[in-house]
């Protein structure tokens, strides 16, 4: 099996694999437990089993999922539909730590990380998302101004996620340097970095391509909610 094969259904591979301890659900549908990133996965994403997922969801929640299209199943609504690219790192390992000043984020930084994510919207994020992998941040005094971290994982694949910079500090290359720090660490561990980027975000996709990421696949991404 190709080491990239889990990317075909990375959400399910993660929720039934390395992150099973953070997941709730059963044999056909799972989600990250409440408090983590609001992401769901299905054993067969072309035929998502929302009936199996429903007992694990609350009416006020919204979830990200990918790999399926068509009408919303009974009891659910599709609130957002778009497309995104899965991109895989194929560049050399960065020779040096690009962000030696970065600080490893821990539970004491959870509130600041969530606030920065809510402000900048890098993707689905929850108060416990930084527990899913390494997260690194740059601070201005005691204020978190940029961060990047790791989310999904399967086999040797490791996702870079939560990449964002406070609007007051953009244009300084902080997020890029944090990504390079993570890339260096992941490659040293024998992992293959990957990421998701919205298809409409041409600027970010071009930046990632210049860094060494290549397209793996474009896929439908939806935000769904209990109706």
N, C-alpha and C. Protein backbone atom coordinates (compact mmCIF):
# COMPACT_ATOMS: atom_id res chain seq x y z
N UNK A 1 0.85 -1.20 0.00
CA UNK A 1 0.00 0.00 0.00
C UNK A 1 0.88 1.25 0.00
N UNK A 2 0.51 2.22 -0.79
CA UNK A 2 1.25 3.47 -0.83
C UNK A 2 1.16 4.18 0.51
N UNK A 3 2.24 4.82 0.95
CA UNK A 3 2.16 5.57 2.21
C UNK A 3 1.20 6.75 2.14
N UNK A 4 0.80 7.15 0.92
CA UNK A 4 -0.17 8.24 0.77
C UNK A 4 -1.61 7.75 0.75
N UNK A 5 -1.81 6.42 0.76
CA UNK A 5 -3.16 5.86 0.65
C UNK A 5 -4.12 6.39 1.72
N UNK A 6 -3.70 6.59 2.98
CA UNK A 6 -4.65 7.11 3.98
C UNK A 6 -5.23 8.48 3.63
N UNK A 7 -4.55 9.23 2.75
CA UNK A 7 -5.09 10.54 2.36
C UNK A 7 -6.41 10.42 1.62
N UNK A 8 -6.67 9.26 1.03
CA UNK A 8 -7.94 9.07 0.32
C UNK A 8 -9.12 9.28 1.27
N UNK A 9 -8.94 8.91 2.53
CA UNK A 9 -10.00 9.09 3.54
C UNK A 9 -9.32 9.40 4.87
N UNK A 10 -8.60 10.52 4.89
CA UNK A 10 -7.73 10.82 6.01
C UNK A 10 -8.50 11.05 7.31
N UNK A 11 -9.69 11.59 7.24
CA UNK A 11 -10.44 11.83 8.46
C UNK A 11 -10.77 10.52 9.16
N UNK A 12 -11.21 9.54 8.40
CA UNK A 12 -11.54 8.24 8.97
C UNK A 12 -10.27 7.53 9.44
N UNK A 13 -9.22 7.58 8.65
CA UNK A 13 -7.97 6.93 9.02
C UNK A 13 -7.43 7.49 10.33
N UNK A 14 -7.62 8.78 10.53
CA UNK A 14 -7.16 9.41 11.77
C UNK A 14 -8.03 9.03 12.95
N UNK A 15 -9.35 9.13 12.77
CA UNK A 15 -10.29 8.91 13.88
C UNK A 15 -10.39 7.45 14.30
N UNK A 16 -9.97 6.55 13.45
CA UNK A 16 -9.94 5.13 13.82
C UNK A 16 -8.53 4.65 14.11
N UNK A 17 -7.55 5.55 13.94
CA UNK A 17 -6.15 5.19 14.13
C UNK A 17 -5.53 5.96 15.28
N UNK A 18 -4.54 6.80 14.99
CA UNK A 18 -3.82 7.49 16.05
C UNK A 18 -4.69 8.35 16.97
N UNK A 19 -5.80 8.86 16.47
CA UNK A 19 -6.64 9.73 17.29
C UNK A 19 -7.92 9.05 17.75
N UNK A 20 -7.94 7.74 17.74
CA UNK A 20 -9.15 7.02 18.19
C UNK A 20 -9.50 7.39 19.63
N UNK A 21 -8.48 7.67 20.44
CA UNK A 21 -8.74 8.01 21.85
C UNK A 21 -9.42 9.37 22.00
N UNK A 22 -9.37 10.18 20.94
CA UNK A 22 -10.03 11.49 20.99
C UNK A 22 -11.39 11.46 20.28
N UNK A 23 -11.80 10.31 19.80
CA UNK A 23 -12.99 10.21 18.95
C UNK A 23 -14.15 9.53 19.66
N UNK A 24 -15.35 9.80 19.17
CA UNK A 24 -16.55 9.07 19.59
C UNK A 24 -17.27 8.62 18.33
N UNK A 25 -18.01 7.53 18.44
CA UNK A 25 -18.71 6.99 17.28
C UNK A 25 -18.55 5.49 17.22
N UNK A 26 -18.83 4.92 16.04
CA UNK A 26 -18.81 3.48 15.90
C UNK A 26 -18.10 3.01 14.66
N UNK A 27 -18.61 1.92 14.10
CA UNK A 27 -17.92 1.25 13.00
C UNK A 27 -18.07 1.94 11.65
N UNK A 28 -19.02 2.87 11.53
CA UNK A 28 -19.25 3.50 10.23
C UNK A 28 -19.13 5.02 10.25
N UNK A 29 -19.15 5.63 11.44
CA UNK A 29 -19.08 7.09 11.53
C UNK A 29 -18.45 7.48 12.86
N UNK A 30 -17.54 8.44 12.80
CA UNK A 30 -16.88 8.93 14.00
C UNK A 30 -16.66 10.44 13.89
N UNK A 31 -16.47 11.04 15.05
CA UNK A 31 -16.16 12.46 15.13
C UNK A 31 -15.16 12.67 16.24
N UNK A 32 -14.43 13.79 16.15
CA UNK A 32 -13.64 14.18 17.30
C UNK A 32 -14.60 14.50 18.44
N UNK A 33 -14.22 14.13 19.65
CA UNK A 33 -15.03 14.45 20.81
C UNK A 33 -15.19 15.95 20.93
N UNK A 34 -16.26 16.35 21.56
CA UNK A 34 -16.54 17.78 21.71
C UNK A 34 -15.37 18.46 22.42
N UNK A 35 -14.99 19.61 21.92
CA UNK A 35 -13.86 20.34 22.46
C UNK A 35 -12.65 20.30 21.54
N UNK A 36 -12.56 19.23 20.72
CA UNK A 36 -11.52 19.15 19.72
C UNK A 36 -12.04 19.78 18.42
N UNK A 37 -11.31 19.63 17.35
CA UNK A 37 -11.77 20.17 16.07
C UNK A 37 -13.08 19.51 15.65
N UNK A 38 -14.07 20.28 15.18
CA UNK A 38 -15.37 19.71 14.81
C UNK A 38 -15.32 19.05 13.43
N UNK A 39 -14.72 17.87 13.39
CA UNK A 39 -14.49 17.11 12.15
C UNK A 39 -15.10 15.73 12.30
N UNK A 40 -15.74 15.25 11.23
CA UNK A 40 -16.31 13.90 11.23
C UNK A 40 -15.70 13.09 10.09
N UNK A 41 -15.70 11.78 10.27
CA UNK A 41 -15.21 10.88 9.23
C UNK A 41 -16.16 9.70 9.08
N UNK A 42 -16.18 9.15 7.88
CA UNK A 42 -17.06 8.01 7.59
C UNK A 42 -16.24 6.88 6.98
N UNK A 43 -16.61 5.66 7.33
CA UNK A 43 -15.92 4.50 6.77
C UNK A 43 -16.03 4.50 5.25
N UNK A 44 -17.20 4.89 4.73
CA UNK A 44 -17.41 5.03 3.30
C UNK A 44 -17.89 6.45 3.04
N UNK A 45 -16.98 7.37 2.73
CA UNK A 45 -17.40 8.77 2.57
C UNK A 45 -18.33 9.01 1.39
N UNK A 46 -18.39 8.08 0.44
CA UNK A 46 -19.33 8.23 -0.67
C UNK A 46 -20.76 7.89 -0.23
N UNK A 47 -20.90 7.20 0.89
CA UNK A 47 -22.21 6.86 1.46
C UNK A 47 -22.16 7.11 2.96
N UNK A 48 -22.09 8.37 3.37
CA UNK A 48 -21.90 8.70 4.79
C UNK A 48 -23.07 8.26 5.65
N UNK A 49 -22.76 7.60 6.75
CA UNK A 49 -23.79 7.06 7.65
C UNK A 49 -24.11 8.09 8.72
N UNK A 50 -24.94 9.06 8.37
CA UNK A 50 -25.30 10.11 9.32
C UNK A 50 -26.22 9.59 10.42
N UNK A 51 -26.95 8.54 10.16
CA UNK A 51 -27.81 7.97 11.20
C UNK A 51 -26.96 7.44 12.35
N UNK A 52 -25.81 6.87 12.03
CA UNK A 52 -24.91 6.37 13.08
C UNK A 52 -24.20 7.50 13.79
N UNK A 53 -24.02 8.62 13.09
CA UNK A 53 -23.33 9.76 13.69
C UNK A 53 -24.23 10.56 14.62
N UNK A 54 -25.53 10.63 14.31
CA UNK A 54 -26.46 11.53 14.99
C UNK A 54 -26.46 11.40 16.52
N UNK A 55 -26.42 10.18 17.10
CA UNK A 55 -26.45 10.09 18.56
C UNK A 55 -25.27 10.75 19.26
N UNK A 56 -24.23 11.05 18.52
CA UNK A 56 -23.03 11.63 19.11
C UNK A 56 -22.91 13.13 18.86
N UNK A 57 -24.00 13.74 18.37
CA UNK A 57 -23.97 15.15 18.00
C UNK A 57 -25.06 15.92 18.73
N UNK A 58 -24.81 17.20 18.98
CA UNK A 58 -25.78 18.09 19.61
C UNK A 58 -26.30 19.09 18.58
N UNK A 59 -27.52 19.61 18.80
CA UNK A 59 -28.13 20.51 17.81
C UNK A 59 -27.34 21.79 17.55
N UNK A 60 -26.50 22.22 18.50
CA UNK A 60 -25.78 23.47 18.33
C UNK A 60 -24.43 23.29 17.64
N UNK A 61 -24.10 22.07 17.22
CA UNK A 61 -22.78 21.82 16.65
C UNK A 61 -22.79 21.89 15.12
N UNK A 62 -21.64 22.23 14.58
CA UNK A 62 -21.41 22.25 13.14
C UNK A 62 -20.15 21.44 12.87
N UNK A 63 -20.16 20.65 11.79
CA UNK A 63 -19.06 19.73 11.53
C UNK A 63 -18.53 19.86 10.11
N UNK A 64 -17.24 19.66 9.96
CA UNK A 64 -16.59 19.61 8.66
C UNK A 64 -16.44 18.16 8.23
N UNK A 65 -16.73 17.90 6.97
CA UNK A 65 -16.52 16.56 6.41
C UNK A 65 -16.19 16.71 4.93
N UNK A 66 -15.61 15.66 4.35
CA UNK A 66 -15.26 15.75 2.93
C UNK A 66 -15.55 14.43 2.23
N UNK A 67 -15.48 14.48 0.90
CA UNK A 67 -15.56 13.27 0.12
C UNK A 67 -16.93 12.83 -0.31
N UNK A 68 -17.98 13.65 -0.08
CA UNK A 68 -19.30 13.24 -0.54
C UNK A 68 -20.06 14.46 -1.04
N UNK A 69 -21.04 14.21 -1.89
CA UNK A 69 -21.89 15.26 -2.41
C UNK A 69 -23.31 14.72 -2.51
N UNK A 70 -24.20 15.53 -3.02
CA UNK A 70 -25.60 15.12 -3.09
C UNK A 70 -26.42 15.79 -2.02
N UNK A 71 -27.72 15.48 -1.96
CA UNK A 71 -28.60 16.13 -0.99
C UNK A 71 -28.26 15.77 0.44
N UNK A 72 -28.62 16.66 1.35
CA UNK A 72 -28.41 16.40 2.77
C UNK A 72 -29.29 15.23 3.22
N UNK A 73 -28.78 14.37 4.08
CA UNK A 73 -29.59 13.26 4.58
C UNK A 73 -30.68 13.78 5.52
N UNK A 74 -31.72 12.98 5.78
CA UNK A 74 -32.78 13.40 6.68
C UNK A 74 -32.22 13.80 8.05
N UNK A 75 -32.71 14.92 8.56
CA UNK A 75 -32.28 15.37 9.87
C UNK A 75 -31.01 16.20 9.87
N UNK A 76 -30.46 16.50 8.67
CA UNK A 76 -29.23 17.26 8.58
C UNK A 76 -29.37 18.34 7.52
N UNK A 77 -28.55 19.38 7.65
CA UNK A 77 -28.50 20.42 6.62
C UNK A 77 -27.05 20.67 6.23
N UNK A 78 -26.86 21.03 4.96
CA UNK A 78 -25.54 21.42 4.48
C UNK A 78 -25.48 22.94 4.53
N UNK A 79 -24.65 23.48 5.40
CA UNK A 79 -24.60 24.92 5.60
C UNK A 79 -23.57 25.60 4.69
N UNK A 80 -22.50 24.89 4.38
CA UNK A 80 -21.45 25.43 3.50
C UNK A 80 -20.96 24.30 2.62
N UNK A 81 -20.74 24.59 1.35
CA UNK A 81 -20.12 23.61 0.45
C UNK A 81 -19.06 24.32 -0.38
N UNK A 82 -17.87 23.73 -0.41
CA UNK A 82 -16.77 24.30 -1.17
C UNK A 82 -15.86 23.15 -1.60
N UNK A 83 -14.67 23.49 -2.03
CA UNK A 83 -13.68 22.47 -2.35
C UNK A 83 -12.35 22.86 -1.73
N UNK A 84 -11.52 21.87 -1.50
CA UNK A 84 -10.19 22.12 -0.95
C UNK A 84 -9.19 21.16 -1.58
N UNK A 85 -7.93 21.54 -1.51
CA UNK A 85 -6.85 20.69 -1.97
C UNK A 85 -6.15 20.03 -0.80
N UNK A 86 -5.84 18.76 -0.94
CA UNK A 86 -4.90 18.10 -0.06
C UNK A 86 -3.54 18.21 -0.74
N UNK A 87 -2.55 18.71 -0.01
CA UNK A 87 -1.22 18.91 -0.55
C UNK A 87 -0.20 18.16 0.30
N UNK A 88 0.78 17.57 -0.35
CA UNK A 88 1.77 16.73 0.32
C UNK A 88 3.17 17.33 0.13
N UNK A 89 3.96 17.28 1.17
CA UNK A 89 5.32 17.82 1.12
C UNK A 89 6.22 16.92 0.30
N UNK A 90 6.92 17.50 -0.65
CA UNK A 90 7.91 16.76 -1.43
C UNK A 90 9.25 17.50 -1.52
N UNK A 91 9.42 18.49 -0.68
CA UNK A 91 10.67 19.23 -0.67
C UNK A 91 11.69 18.61 0.27
N UNK A 92 12.90 19.12 0.27
CA UNK A 92 13.91 18.64 1.21
C UNK A 92 13.63 19.15 2.62
N UNK A 93 14.18 18.50 3.61
CA UNK A 93 14.02 18.96 4.98
C UNK A 93 14.70 20.32 5.15
N UNK A 94 14.05 21.28 5.75
CA UNK A 94 14.70 22.57 6.01
C UNK A 94 15.98 22.35 6.81
N UNK A 95 17.04 23.03 6.42
CA UNK A 95 18.35 22.79 7.02
C UNK A 95 18.46 23.34 8.43
N UNK A 96 17.73 24.41 8.73
CA UNK A 96 17.83 25.04 10.03
C UNK A 96 16.45 25.28 10.62
N UNK A 97 16.41 25.47 11.91
CA UNK A 97 15.18 25.84 12.60
C UNK A 97 14.85 27.28 12.23
N UNK A 98 13.75 27.47 11.50
CA UNK A 98 13.40 28.81 11.01
C UNK A 98 12.76 29.68 12.07
N UNK A 99 12.37 29.09 13.19
CA UNK A 99 11.71 29.87 14.24
C UNK A 99 12.22 29.44 15.61
N UNK A 100 13.49 29.69 15.89
CA UNK A 100 14.04 29.24 17.18
C UNK A 100 13.41 29.95 18.38
N UNK A 101 12.79 31.09 18.13
CA UNK A 101 12.17 31.82 19.23
C UNK A 101 10.79 31.31 19.59
N UNK A 102 10.25 30.41 18.77
CA UNK A 102 8.89 29.91 19.00
C UNK A 102 8.82 29.10 20.30
N UNK A 103 7.66 29.16 20.91
CA UNK A 103 7.42 28.48 22.19
C UNK A 103 6.41 27.37 21.95
N UNK A 104 6.68 26.20 22.53
CA UNK A 104 5.73 25.08 22.45
C UNK A 104 4.47 25.44 23.24
N UNK A 105 3.33 25.32 22.61
CA UNK A 105 2.08 25.68 23.26
C UNK A 105 1.57 24.50 24.09
N UNK A 106 1.08 24.81 25.26
CA UNK A 106 0.53 23.80 26.16
C UNK A 106 -0.83 24.22 26.66
N UNK A 107 -1.39 23.48 27.62
CA UNK A 107 -2.73 23.80 28.13
C UNK A 107 -2.88 25.24 28.61
N UNK A 108 -1.81 25.82 29.11
CA UNK A 108 -1.87 27.20 29.61
C UNK A 108 -2.07 28.21 28.49
N UNK A 109 -1.85 27.76 27.24
CA UNK A 109 -2.02 28.66 26.08
C UNK A 109 -3.32 28.40 25.32
N UNK A 110 -4.13 27.46 25.80
CA UNK A 110 -5.30 27.03 25.04
C UNK A 110 -6.25 28.18 24.74
N UNK A 111 -6.50 29.04 25.72
CA UNK A 111 -7.44 30.14 25.51
C UNK A 111 -6.92 31.11 24.45
N UNK A 112 -5.64 31.43 24.50
CA UNK A 112 -5.07 32.34 23.51
C UNK A 112 -5.07 31.72 22.11
N UNK A 113 -4.77 30.42 22.04
CA UNK A 113 -4.76 29.75 20.74
C UNK A 113 -6.16 29.75 20.13
N UNK A 114 -7.17 29.47 20.94
CA UNK A 114 -8.54 29.46 20.45
C UNK A 114 -8.96 30.86 20.01
N UNK A 115 -8.60 31.87 20.77
CA UNK A 115 -8.97 33.24 20.41
C UNK A 115 -8.32 33.65 19.09
N UNK A 116 -7.05 33.27 18.89
CA UNK A 116 -6.38 33.60 17.64
C UNK A 116 -7.03 32.87 16.47
N UNK A 117 -7.39 31.61 16.68
CA UNK A 117 -8.05 30.84 15.62
C UNK A 117 -9.43 31.40 15.29
N UNK A 118 -10.17 31.82 16.30
CA UNK A 118 -11.49 32.39 16.05
C UNK A 118 -11.39 33.71 15.29
N UNK A 119 -10.30 34.46 15.53
CA UNK A 119 -10.11 35.73 14.85
C UNK A 119 -9.70 35.54 13.40
N UNK A 120 -8.84 34.56 13.14
CA UNK A 120 -8.22 34.42 11.81
C UNK A 120 -8.82 33.31 10.97
N UNK A 121 -9.57 32.39 11.57
CA UNK A 121 -10.28 31.32 10.85
C UNK A 121 -9.37 30.46 9.98
N UNK A 122 -8.38 29.78 10.57
CA UNK A 122 -7.53 28.91 9.75
C UNK A 122 -8.17 27.57 9.41
N UNK A 123 -9.36 27.31 9.96
CA UNK A 123 -10.03 26.03 9.75
C UNK A 123 -10.67 25.56 11.04
N UNK A 124 -11.31 24.39 11.02
CA UNK A 124 -12.00 23.92 12.24
C UNK A 124 -11.05 23.80 13.41
N UNK A 125 -11.42 24.43 14.51
CA UNK A 125 -10.52 24.54 15.67
C UNK A 125 -11.38 24.53 16.92
N UNK A 126 -10.89 23.88 17.96
CA UNK A 126 -11.60 23.83 19.23
C UNK A 126 -10.65 24.13 20.37
N UNK A 127 -11.17 24.28 21.58
CA UNK A 127 -10.32 24.63 22.72
C UNK A 127 -9.27 23.57 23.05
N UNK A 128 -9.48 22.31 22.59
CA UNK A 128 -8.52 21.25 22.89
C UNK A 128 -7.72 20.81 21.65
N UNK A 129 -7.86 21.53 20.56
CA UNK A 129 -7.17 21.14 19.32
C UNK A 129 -5.66 21.06 19.50
N UNK A 130 -5.08 21.94 20.32
CA UNK A 130 -3.62 21.93 20.47
C UNK A 130 -3.12 20.67 21.17
N UNK A 131 -4.03 19.82 21.67
CA UNK A 131 -3.62 18.54 22.26
C UNK A 131 -3.37 17.47 21.20
N UNK A 132 -3.73 17.75 19.95
CA UNK A 132 -3.66 16.73 18.90
C UNK A 132 -2.26 16.55 18.32
N UNK A 133 -1.33 17.43 18.68
CA UNK A 133 0.03 17.33 18.17
C UNK A 133 0.87 18.47 18.71
N UNK A 134 2.02 18.67 18.12
CA UNK A 134 2.85 19.80 18.50
C UNK A 134 2.22 21.10 17.99
N UNK A 135 2.18 22.10 18.83
CA UNK A 135 1.79 23.44 18.42
C UNK A 135 2.87 24.41 18.89
N UNK A 136 3.26 25.29 18.00
CA UNK A 136 4.28 26.27 18.30
C UNK A 136 3.73 27.67 18.06
N UNK A 137 4.13 28.60 18.92
CA UNK A 137 3.64 29.96 18.80
C UNK A 137 4.73 30.99 18.94
N UNK A 138 4.49 32.15 18.35
CA UNK A 138 5.35 33.31 18.51
C UNK A 138 4.57 34.34 19.33
N UNK A 139 5.26 34.93 20.30
CA UNK A 139 4.61 35.86 21.22
C UNK A 139 5.21 37.25 21.09
N UNK A 140 4.36 38.24 21.31
CA UNK A 140 4.79 39.62 21.48
C UNK A 140 4.55 39.94 22.95
N UNK A 141 5.59 39.86 23.74
CA UNK A 141 5.40 39.90 25.19
C UNK A 141 4.69 38.62 25.62
N UNK A 142 3.53 38.76 26.22
CA UNK A 142 2.74 37.59 26.62
C UNK A 142 1.60 37.31 25.65
N UNK A 143 1.55 38.03 24.56
CA UNK A 143 0.45 37.93 23.60
C UNK A 143 0.83 36.99 22.46
N UNK A 144 0.01 35.96 22.23
CA UNK A 144 0.23 35.03 21.12
C UNK A 144 -0.15 35.72 19.82
N UNK A 145 0.81 35.82 18.90
CA UNK A 145 0.54 36.55 17.66
C UNK A 145 0.59 35.67 16.41
N UNK A 146 1.13 34.47 16.52
CA UNK A 146 1.17 33.55 15.38
C UNK A 146 1.33 32.14 15.91
N UNK A 147 0.79 31.18 15.17
CA UNK A 147 0.93 29.79 15.59
C UNK A 147 0.81 28.86 14.39
N UNK A 148 1.27 27.65 14.57
CA UNK A 148 1.10 26.57 13.60
C UNK A 148 1.25 25.27 14.37
N UNK A 149 0.55 24.24 13.93
CA UNK A 149 0.61 22.99 14.66
C UNK A 149 0.26 21.79 13.82
N UNK A 150 -0.03 20.69 14.50
CA UNK A 150 -0.32 19.41 13.87
C UNK A 150 -1.71 18.95 14.28
N UNK A 151 -2.41 18.33 13.33
CA UNK A 151 -3.74 17.83 13.64
C UNK A 151 -3.83 16.36 13.23
N UNK A 152 -4.35 16.04 12.07
CA UNK A 152 -4.59 14.64 11.70
C UNK A 152 -3.31 13.88 11.45
N UNK A 153 -3.40 12.54 11.62
CA UNK A 153 -2.24 11.68 11.43
C UNK A 153 -2.72 10.28 11.07
N UNK A 154 -1.97 9.62 10.20
CA UNK A 154 -2.24 8.23 9.85
C UNK A 154 -1.01 7.67 9.16
N UNK A 155 -0.58 6.50 9.57
CA UNK A 155 0.64 5.94 9.00
C UNK A 155 1.80 6.90 9.26
N UNK A 156 2.52 7.25 8.22
CA UNK A 156 3.62 8.22 8.36
C UNK A 156 3.17 9.64 8.03
N UNK A 157 1.91 9.82 7.72
CA UNK A 157 1.39 11.14 7.35
C UNK A 157 1.12 11.98 8.60
N UNK A 158 1.47 13.27 8.53
CA UNK A 158 1.21 14.19 9.64
C UNK A 158 0.76 15.52 9.07
N UNK A 159 -0.39 15.97 9.51
CA UNK A 159 -0.97 17.21 8.98
C UNK A 159 -0.44 18.44 9.69
N UNK A 160 -0.08 19.45 8.92
CA UNK A 160 0.19 20.78 9.45
C UNK A 160 -1.11 21.58 9.37
N UNK A 161 -1.48 22.20 10.48
CA UNK A 161 -2.79 22.83 10.55
C UNK A 161 -2.75 24.00 11.53
N UNK A 162 -3.84 24.74 11.57
CA UNK A 162 -3.94 25.85 12.51
C UNK A 162 -2.92 26.95 12.27
N UNK A 163 -2.52 27.12 11.01
CA UNK A 163 -1.50 28.12 10.67
C UNK A 163 -2.16 29.50 10.58
N UNK A 164 -1.76 30.42 11.44
CA UNK A 164 -2.40 31.73 11.41
C UNK A 164 -1.55 32.78 12.10
N UNK A 165 -1.81 34.03 11.74
CA UNK A 165 -1.11 35.18 12.31
C UNK A 165 -2.12 36.28 12.61
N UNK A 166 -1.97 36.90 13.75
CA UNK A 166 -2.84 38.03 14.09
C UNK A 166 -2.72 39.11 13.01
N UNK A 167 -3.84 39.72 12.61
CA UNK A 167 -3.80 40.73 11.54
C UNK A 167 -2.80 41.86 11.79
N UNK A 168 -2.55 42.21 13.04
CA UNK A 168 -1.62 43.29 13.34
C UNK A 168 -0.16 42.92 13.06
N UNK A 169 0.11 41.64 12.84
CA UNK A 169 1.49 41.18 12.68
C UNK A 169 1.70 40.41 11.38
N UNK A 170 0.76 40.50 10.47
CA UNK A 170 0.90 39.80 9.19
C UNK A 170 1.93 40.51 8.31
N UNK A 171 2.45 39.74 7.34
CA UNK A 171 3.45 40.31 6.43
C UNK A 171 4.87 40.19 6.91
N UNK A 172 5.09 39.50 8.02
CA UNK A 172 6.43 39.36 8.57
C UNK A 172 6.99 37.94 8.39
N UNK A 173 6.21 37.07 7.76
CA UNK A 173 6.68 35.71 7.53
C UNK A 173 6.61 34.80 8.74
N UNK A 174 5.86 35.19 9.76
CA UNK A 174 5.82 34.39 11.00
C UNK A 174 5.23 33.01 10.77
N UNK A 175 4.09 32.95 10.09
CA UNK A 175 3.43 31.67 9.87
C UNK A 175 4.30 30.75 9.01
N UNK A 176 4.93 31.30 8.00
CA UNK A 176 5.79 30.50 7.14
C UNK A 176 6.95 29.91 7.94
N UNK A 177 7.56 30.71 8.81
CA UNK A 177 8.68 30.22 9.60
C UNK A 177 8.24 29.13 10.58
N UNK A 178 7.05 29.28 11.14
CA UNK A 178 6.53 28.25 12.03
C UNK A 178 6.27 26.96 11.27
N UNK A 179 5.76 27.08 10.05
CA UNK A 179 5.56 25.89 9.22
C UNK A 179 6.89 25.20 8.93
N UNK A 180 7.91 25.97 8.59
CA UNK A 180 9.22 25.38 8.31
C UNK A 180 9.77 24.68 9.54
N UNK A 181 9.52 25.23 10.70
CA UNK A 181 9.96 24.57 11.94
C UNK A 181 9.29 23.20 12.07
N UNK A 182 7.97 23.16 11.84
CA UNK A 182 7.25 21.89 11.92
C UNK A 182 7.71 20.92 10.84
N UNK A 183 7.90 21.42 9.62
CA UNK A 183 8.36 20.55 8.53
C UNK A 183 9.68 19.90 8.89
N UNK A 184 10.59 20.67 9.41
CA UNK A 184 11.90 20.13 9.79
C UNK A 184 11.76 19.04 10.85
N UNK A 185 10.91 19.26 11.82
CA UNK A 185 10.73 18.30 12.91
C UNK A 185 10.04 17.03 12.41
N UNK A 186 9.04 17.19 11.55
CA UNK A 186 8.32 16.02 11.04
C UNK A 186 9.20 15.17 10.13
N UNK A 187 9.91 15.80 9.23
CA UNK A 187 10.80 15.05 8.34
C UNK A 187 11.85 14.31 9.15
N UNK A 188 12.36 14.93 10.19
CA UNK A 188 13.36 14.28 11.04
C UNK A 188 12.79 13.05 11.74
N UNK A 189 11.48 13.04 11.96
CA UNK A 189 10.83 11.88 12.58
C UNK A 189 10.44 10.83 11.56
N UNK A 190 10.74 11.06 10.29
CA UNK A 190 10.38 10.11 9.25
C UNK A 190 8.94 10.23 8.81
N UNK A 191 8.32 11.38 9.06
CA UNK A 191 6.93 11.60 8.68
C UNK A 191 6.83 12.37 7.37
N UNK A 192 5.67 12.25 6.73
CA UNK A 192 5.39 12.99 5.50
C UNK A 192 4.37 14.07 5.81
N UNK A 193 4.76 15.33 5.81
CA UNK A 193 3.82 16.41 6.10
C UNK A 193 2.79 16.58 4.97
N UNK A 194 1.59 16.94 5.36
CA UNK A 194 0.55 17.30 4.39
C UNK A 194 -0.31 18.38 5.01
N UNK A 195 -1.14 18.99 4.18
CA UNK A 195 -2.04 20.03 4.67
C UNK A 195 -3.27 20.12 3.79
N UNK A 196 -4.26 20.86 4.26
CA UNK A 196 -5.46 21.18 3.49
C UNK A 196 -5.48 22.68 3.24
N UNK A 197 -5.91 23.07 2.05
CA UNK A 197 -6.05 24.47 1.74
C UNK A 197 -7.29 24.64 0.86
N UNK A 198 -8.08 25.65 1.16
CA UNK A 198 -9.29 25.87 0.38
C UNK A 198 -8.92 26.23 -1.06
N UNK A 199 -9.67 25.70 -2.01
CA UNK A 199 -9.36 25.94 -3.42
C UNK A 199 -9.40 27.41 -3.77
N UNK A 200 -10.28 28.16 -3.11
CA UNK A 200 -10.40 29.59 -3.41
C UNK A 200 -9.23 30.40 -2.88
N UNK A 201 -8.44 29.82 -1.98
CA UNK A 201 -7.32 30.56 -1.39
C UNK A 201 -6.08 30.37 -2.25
N UNK A 202 -6.11 31.00 -3.43
CA UNK A 202 -5.03 30.80 -4.40
C UNK A 202 -3.69 31.28 -3.88
N UNK A 203 -3.69 32.34 -3.09
CA UNK A 203 -2.45 32.86 -2.57
C UNK A 203 -1.75 31.88 -1.64
N UNK A 204 -2.52 31.28 -0.72
CA UNK A 204 -1.93 30.32 0.21
C UNK A 204 -1.47 29.06 -0.54
N UNK A 205 -2.26 28.63 -1.49
CA UNK A 205 -1.88 27.43 -2.25
C UNK A 205 -0.58 27.67 -3.02
N UNK A 206 -0.44 28.84 -3.60
CA UNK A 206 0.79 29.17 -4.33
C UNK A 206 1.99 29.23 -3.38
N UNK A 207 1.79 29.78 -2.19
CA UNK A 207 2.86 29.82 -1.20
C UNK A 207 3.30 28.42 -0.81
N UNK A 208 2.32 27.55 -0.56
CA UNK A 208 2.66 26.18 -0.17
C UNK A 208 3.40 25.46 -1.30
N UNK A 209 3.00 25.73 -2.53
CA UNK A 209 3.70 25.11 -3.67
C UNK A 209 5.15 25.59 -3.73
N UNK A 210 5.38 26.87 -3.49
CA UNK A 210 6.75 27.38 -3.50
C UNK A 210 7.57 26.78 -2.37
N UNK A 211 6.91 26.44 -1.26
CA UNK A 211 7.62 25.85 -0.14
C UNK A 211 8.02 24.40 -0.39
N UNK A 212 7.29 23.70 -1.30
CA UNK A 212 7.61 22.31 -1.57
C UNK A 212 6.45 21.36 -1.50
N UNK A 213 5.23 21.88 -1.31
CA UNK A 213 4.03 21.03 -1.31
C UNK A 213 3.52 20.85 -2.74
N UNK A 214 2.97 19.68 -3.01
CA UNK A 214 2.36 19.41 -4.31
C UNK A 214 0.93 18.94 -4.09
N UNK A 215 0.08 19.17 -5.11
CA UNK A 215 -1.31 18.75 -5.01
C UNK A 215 -1.42 17.23 -4.98
N UNK A 216 -2.23 16.74 -4.06
CA UNK A 216 -2.58 15.32 -4.05
C UNK A 216 -3.96 15.12 -4.67
N UNK A 217 -4.92 15.90 -4.23
CA UNK A 217 -6.28 15.77 -4.75
C UNK A 217 -7.11 16.97 -4.33
N UNK A 218 -8.05 17.34 -5.18
CA UNK A 218 -9.06 18.33 -4.82
C UNK A 218 -10.32 17.57 -4.42
N UNK A 219 -10.95 18.00 -3.35
CA UNK A 219 -12.11 17.28 -2.85
C UNK A 219 -13.18 18.25 -2.36
N UNK A 220 -14.40 17.79 -2.35
CA UNK A 220 -15.51 18.58 -1.79
C UNK A 220 -15.36 18.63 -0.27
N UNK A 221 -15.60 19.79 0.31
CA UNK A 221 -15.64 19.93 1.77
C UNK A 221 -16.94 20.62 2.13
N UNK A 222 -17.59 20.11 3.16
CA UNK A 222 -18.88 20.64 3.58
C UNK A 222 -18.89 20.91 5.08
N UNK A 223 -19.70 21.89 5.46
CA UNK A 223 -20.05 22.09 6.86
C UNK A 223 -21.50 21.65 7.01
N UNK A 224 -21.72 20.69 7.90
CA UNK A 224 -23.05 20.14 8.08
C UNK A 224 -23.50 20.34 9.52
N UNK A 225 -24.81 20.30 9.70
CA UNK A 225 -25.36 20.50 11.04
C UNK A 225 -26.64 19.68 11.21
N UNK A 226 -26.91 19.22 12.43
CA UNK A 226 -28.22 18.60 12.67
C UNK A 226 -29.31 19.60 12.37
N UNK A 227 -30.30 19.20 11.60
CA UNK A 227 -31.35 20.13 11.17
C UNK A 227 -32.28 20.43 12.36
